[in-house]
């Protein structure tokens, strides 16, 4: 074997080793990037979950739970009087919007499936209350509820 053939063979072996090394490095880097992406998704879901829980506490505890008319309407099997009903409808509208924001985050994959399952059940139970169902139906007939609300109800309930 001539010197030129030895150099060519050595160069070919080095090229193969470098190529294999580059391939292995690329695979490892892709694996690391995938792991980072999964951690980022988990962090985002945790952050979104925390924010939704915080918003729910704020909405329910500071605005709605202390409202006697709303509590009475939700507990009743009959609809409240028309004067009270508009106030109740306004507060229920806040709840509908809140559930829609949670639904949108769920559709975007920003919340854990367990958390979404819990909200689905809560939403469907909420809609079973006579005043809530009546308000929902009235808003739907008046064109106040967009197709997003209708889709949410179909998907979740």
C-alpha atoms as a PDB file:
ATOM      1  CA  UNK A   1       0.000   0.000   0.000  1.00  0.00           C
ATOM      2  CA  UNK A   2       1.400   3.350  -1.013  1.00  0.00           C
ATOM      3  CA  UNK A   3       1.645   6.335   1.210  1.00  0.00           C
ATOM      4  CA  UNK A   4      -1.072   8.121  -0.751  1.00  0.00           C
ATOM      5  CA  UNK A   5      -3.443   5.137  -0.272  1.00  0.00           C
ATOM      6  CA  UNK A   6      -2.715   5.080   3.489  1.00  0.00           C
ATOM      7  CA  UNK A   7      -3.510   8.779   3.785  1.00  0.00           C
ATOM      8  CA  UNK A   8      -6.721   8.375   1.756  1.00  0.00           C
ATOM      9  CA  UNK A   9      -7.806   5.370   3.877  1.00  0.00           C
ATOM     10  CA  UNK A  10      -7.016   7.221   7.117  1.00  0.00           C
ATOM     11  CA  UNK A  11      -8.943  10.285   5.936  1.00  0.00           C
ATOM     12  CA  UNK A  12     -11.920   8.110   5.017  1.00  0.00           C
ATOM     13  CA  UNK A  13     -11.888   6.468   8.472  1.00  0.00           C
ATOM     14  CA  UNK A  14     -11.637   9.862  10.183  1.00  0.00           C
ATOM     15  CA  UNK A  15     -14.525  11.165   8.041  1.00  0.00           C
ATOM     16  CA  UNK A  16     -16.676   8.174   9.022  1.00  0.00           C
ATOM     17  CA  UNK A  17     -15.845   8.626  12.737  1.00  0.00           C
ATOM     18  CA  UNK A  18     -16.566  12.372  12.553  1.00  0.00           C
ATOM     19  CA  UNK A  19     -19.819  11.676  10.683  1.00  0.00           C
ATOM     20  CA  UNK A  20     -20.940   9.117  13.259  1.00  0.00           C
ATOM     21  CA  UNK A  21     -19.921  11.479  16.083  1.00  0.00           C
ATOM     22  CA  UNK A  22     -21.884  14.305  14.471  1.00  0.00           C
ATOM     23  CA  UNK A  23     -24.934  12.081  14.071  1.00  0.00           C
ATOM     24  CA  UNK A  24     -24.743  10.948  17.717  1.00  0.00           C
ATOM     25  CA  UNK A  25     -24.329  14.565  18.859  1.00  0.00           C
ATOM     26  CA  UNK A  26     -27.367  15.602  16.805  1.00  0.00           C
ATOM     27  CA  UNK A  27     -29.505  12.798  18.251  1.00  0.00           C
ATOM     28  CA  UNK A  28     -28.440  13.712  21.789  1.00  0.00           C
ATOM     29  CA  UNK A  29     -29.155  17.380  21.161  1.00  0.00           C
ATOM     30  CA  UNK A  30     -32.617  16.591  19.768  1.00  0.00           C
ATOM     31  CA  UNK A  31     -33.338  14.400  22.791  1.00  0.00           C
ATOM     32  CA  UNK A  32     -32.229  17.199  25.126  1.00  0.00           C
ATOM     33  CA  UNK A  33     -34.343  19.734  23.203  1.00  0.00           C
ATOM     34  CA  UNK A  34     -37.386  17.436  23.408  1.00  0.00           C
ATOM     35  CA  UNK A  35     -36.887  17.069  27.175  1.00  0.00           C
ATOM     36  CA  UNK A  36     -36.592  20.843  27.530  1.00  0.00           C
ATOM     37  CA  UNK A  37     -39.762  21.350  25.507  1.00  0.00           C
ATOM     38  CA  UNK A  38     -41.647  18.861  27.694  1.00  0.00           C
ATOM     39  CA  UNK A  39     -40.444  20.641  30.845  1.00  0.00           C
ATOM     40  CA  UNK A  40     -41.479  23.970  29.373  1.00  0.00           C
ATOM     41  CA  UNK A  41     -44.953  22.602  28.549  1.00  0.00           C
ATOM     42  CA  UNK A  42     -45.306  21.233  32.087  1.00  0.00           C
ATOM     43  CA  UNK A  43     -44.247  24.576  33.540  1.00  0.00           C
ATOM     44  CA  UNK A  44     -46.709  26.416  31.314  1.00  0.00           C
ATOM     45  CA  UNK A  45     -49.555  24.105  32.329  1.00  0.00           C
ATOM     46  CA  UNK A  46     -48.683  24.507  36.006  1.00  0.00           C
ATOM     47  CA  UNK A  47     -48.568  28.277  35.634  1.00  0.00           C
ATOM     48  CA  UNK A  48     -51.885  28.370  33.772  1.00  0.00           C
ATOM     49  CA  UNK A  49     -53.485  26.074  36.342  1.00  0.00           C
ATOM     50  CA  UNK A  50     -52.314  28.305  39.175  1.00  0.00           C
ATOM     51  CA  UNK A  51     -53.632  31.413  37.402  1.00  0.00           C
ATOM     52  CA  UNK A  52     -57.026  29.841  36.690  1.00  0.00           C
ATOM     53  CA  UNK A  53     -57.340  28.719  40.311  1.00  0.00           C
ATOM     54  CA  UNK A  54     -56.376  32.192  41.492  1.00  0.00           C
ATOM     55  CA  UNK A  55     -58.886  33.824  39.134  1.00  0.00           C
ATOM     56  CA  UNK A  56     -61.588  31.373  40.231  1.00  0.00           C
ATOM     57  CA  UNK A  57     -60.964  32.143  43.889  1.00  0.00           C
ATOM     58  CA  UNK A  58     -61.029  35.866  43.210  1.00  0.00           C
ATOM     59  CA  UNK A  59     -64.195  35.676  41.126  1.00  0.00           C
ATOM     60  CA  UNK A  60     -66.043  33.331  43.435  1.00  0.00           C
ATOM     61  CA  UNK A  61     -64.908  34.577  46.809  1.00  0.00           C
ATOM     62  CA  UNK A  62     -64.691  38.301  46.304  1.00  0.00           C
ATOM     63  CA  UNK A  63     -67.509  38.863  43.833  1.00  0.00           C
ATOM     64  CA  UNK A  64     -70.063  36.113  43.910  1.00  0.00           C
ATOM     65  CA  UNK A  65     -70.110  34.221  47.191  1.00  0.00           C
ATOM     66  CA  UNK A  66     -70.890  37.346  49.194  1.00  0.00           C
ATOM     67  CA  UNK A  67     -73.780  38.251  46.900  1.00  0.00           C
ATOM     68  CA  UNK A  68     -77.041  37.325  48.657  1.00  0.00           C
ATOM     69  CA  UNK A  69     -79.224  37.618  45.559  1.00  0.00           C
ATOM     70  CA  UNK A  70     -76.984  35.345  43.533  1.00  0.00           C
ATOM     71  CA  UNK A  71     -76.650  32.770  46.297  1.00  0.00           C
ATOM     72  CA  UNK A  72     -80.395  32.767  46.762  1.00  0.00           C
ATOM     73  CA  UNK A  73     -81.018  32.446  43.006  1.00  0.00           C
ATOM     74  CA  UNK A  74     -78.547  29.573  42.660  1.00  0.00           C
ATOM     75  CA  UNK A  75     -80.060  27.730  45.606  1.00  0.00           C
ATOM     76  CA  UNK A  76     -83.645  28.232  44.460  1.00  0.00           C
ATOM     77  CA  UNK A  77     -85.602  25.910  42.206  1.00  0.00           C
ATOM     78  CA  UNK A  78     -87.500  28.919  40.818  1.00  0.00           C
ATOM     79  CA  UNK A  79     -86.385  32.003  38.948  1.00  0.00           C
ATOM     80  CA  UNK A  80     -85.845  35.262  40.854  1.00  0.00           C
ATOM     81  CA  UNK A  81     -88.001  38.354  40.350  1.00  0.00           C
ATOM     82  CA  UNK A  82     -87.286  40.461  37.261  1.00  0.00           C
ATOM     83  CA  UNK A  83     -85.572  43.282  39.234  1.00  0.00           C
ATOM     84  CA  UNK A  84     -83.138  40.880  40.826  1.00  0.00           C
ATOM     85  CA  UNK A  85     -82.871  38.748  37.721  1.00  0.00           C
ATOM     86  CA  UNK A  86     -80.892  41.342  35.724  1.00  0.00           C
ATOM     87  CA  UNK A  87     -78.289  41.581  38.500  1.00  0.00           C
ATOM     88  CA  UNK A  88     -78.123  37.814  38.669  1.00  0.00           C
ATOM     89  CA  UNK A  89     -77.799  37.551  34.878  1.00  0.00           C
ATOM     90  CA  UNK A  90     -74.895  39.997  34.929  1.00  0.00           C
ATOM     91  CA  UNK A  91     -73.088  37.913  37.529  1.00  0.00           C
ATOM     92  CA  UNK A  92     -73.824  34.683  35.689  1.00  0.00           C
ATOM     93  CA  UNK A  93     -72.413  36.293  32.563  1.00  0.00           C
ATOM     94  CA  UNK A  94     -69.134  36.719  34.458  1.00  0.00           C
ATOM     95  CA  UNK A  95     -69.188  33.008  35.216  1.00  0.00           C
ATOM     96  CA  UNK A  96     -69.952  32.073  31.607  1.00  0.00           C
ATOM     97  CA  UNK A  97     -67.019  34.182  30.445  1.00  0.00           C
ATOM     98  CA  UNK A  98     -64.748  32.670  33.056  1.00  0.00           C
ATOM     99  CA  UNK A  99     -65.656  29.133  31.994  1.00  0.00           C
ATOM    100  CA  UNK A 100     -65.121  30.104  28.350  1.00  0.00           C
ATOM    101  CA  UNK A 101     -61.617  31.357  29.122  1.00  0.00           C
ATOM    102  CA  UNK A 102     -60.835  28.053  30.850  1.00  0.00           C
ATOM    103  CA  UNK A 103     -62.301  26.164  27.887  1.00  0.00           C
ATOM    104  CA  UNK A 104     -60.106  28.097  25.456  1.00  0.00           C
ATOM    105  CA  UNK A 105     -56.998  27.398  27.503  1.00  0.00           C
ATOM    106  CA  UNK A 106     -57.948  23.730  27.615  1.00  0.00           C
ATOM    107  CA  UNK A 107     -58.452  23.647  23.842  1.00  0.00           C
ATOM    108  CA  UNK A 108     -55.007  25.196  23.384  1.00  0.00           C
ATOM    109  CA  UNK A 109     -53.461  22.478  25.554  1.00  0.00           C
ATOM    110  CA  UNK A 110     -52.496  24.920  28.276  1.00  0.00           C
ATOM    111  CA  UNK A 111     -54.084  23.017  31.167  1.00  0.00           C
ATOM    112  CA  UNK A 112     -53.658  19.513  32.506  1.00  0.00           C
ATOM    113  CA  UNK A 113     -56.325  16.979  31.586  1.00  0.00           C
ATOM    114  CA  UNK A 114     -57.153  16.331  35.274  1.00  0.00           C
ATOM    115  CA  UNK A 115     -57.758  20.010  35.872  1.00  0.00           C
ATOM    116  CA  UNK A 116     -59.902  20.324  32.749  1.00  0.00           C
ATOM    117  CA  UNK A 117     -61.950  17.276  33.755  1.00  0.00           C
ATOM    118  CA  UNK A 118     -62.710  18.935  37.084  1.00  0.00           C
ATOM    119  CA  UNK A 119     -63.813  22.157  35.381  1.00  0.00           C
ATOM    120  CA  UNK A 120     -65.969  20.239  32.895  1.00  0.00           C
ATOM    121  CA  UNK A 121     -67.865  18.608  35.737  1.00  0.00           C
ATOM    122  CA  UNK A 122     -68.201  21.901  37.586  1.00  0.00           C
ATOM    123  CA  UNK A 123     -69.468  23.696  34.495  1.00  0.00           C
ATOM    124  CA  UNK A 124     -72.046  21.021  33.669  1.00  0.00           C
ATOM    125  CA  UNK A 125     -73.324  20.962  37.260  1.00  0.00           C
ATOM    126  CA  UNK A 126     -73.466  24.764  37.235  1.00  0.00           C
ATOM    127  CA  UNK A 127     -75.629  24.708  34.088  1.00  0.00           C
ATOM    128  CA  UNK A 128     -78.123  22.337  35.747  1.00  0.00           C
ATOM    129  CA  UNK A 129     -79.196  25.009  38.236  1.00  0.00           C
ATOM    130  CA  UNK A 130     -82.571  26.409  37.095  1.00  0.00           C
ATOM    131  CA  UNK A 131     -81.546  30.066  37.110  1.00  0.00           C
ATOM    132  CA  UNK A 132     -78.312  29.304  35.258  1.00  0.00           C
ATOM    133  CA  UNK A 133     -79.985  27.159  32.619  1.00  0.00           C
ATOM    134  CA  UNK A 134     -82.752  29.733  32.123  1.00  0.00           C
ATOM    135  CA  UNK A 135     -80.201  32.531  31.806  1.00  0.00           C
ATOM    136  CA  UNK A 136     -78.095  30.472  29.393  1.00  0.00           C
ATOM    137  CA  UNK A 137     -81.130  29.715  27.216  1.00  0.00           C
ATOM    138  CA  UNK A 138     -82.298  33.333  27.258  1.00  0.00           C
ATOM    139  CA  UNK A 139     -78.840  34.630  26.304  1.00  0.00           C
ATOM    140  CA  UNK A 140     -78.637  31.997  23.576  1.00  0.00           C
ATOM    141  CA  UNK A 141     -82.019  33.010  22.135  1.00  0.00           C
ATOM    142  CA  UNK A 142     -81.034  36.686  22.274  1.00  0.00           C
ATOM    143  CA  UNK A 143     -77.855  35.943  20.331  1.00  0.00           C
ATOM    144  CA  UNK A 144     -75.660  36.897  23.281  1.00  0.00           C
ATOM    145  CA  UNK A 145     -73.832  33.561  23.339  1.00  0.00           C
ATOM    146  CA  UNK A 146     -71.451  32.988  20.456  1.00  0.00           C
ATOM    147  CA  UNK A 147     -70.732  29.626  18.898  1.00  0.00           C
ATOM    148  CA  UNK A 148     -67.756  29.344  21.271  1.00  0.00           C
ATOM    149  CA  UNK A 149     -70.127  29.033  24.221  1.00  0.00           C
ATOM    150  CA  UNK A 150     -72.276  26.513  22.375  1.00  0.00           C
ATOM    151  CA  UNK A 151     -69.176  24.482  21.430  1.00  0.00           C
ATOM    152  CA  UNK A 152     -68.002  24.585  25.033  1.00  0.00           C
ATOM    153  CA  UNK A 153     -71.286  23.177  26.263  1.00  0.00           C
ATOM    154  CA  UNK A 154     -71.379  20.467  23.569  1.00  0.00           C
ATOM    155  CA  UNK A 155     -67.776  19.465  24.237  1.00  0.00           C
ATOM    156  CA  UNK A 156     -67.870  19.574  28.020  1.00  0.00           C
ATOM    157  CA  UNK A 157     -71.393  18.366  28.713  1.00  0.00           C
END
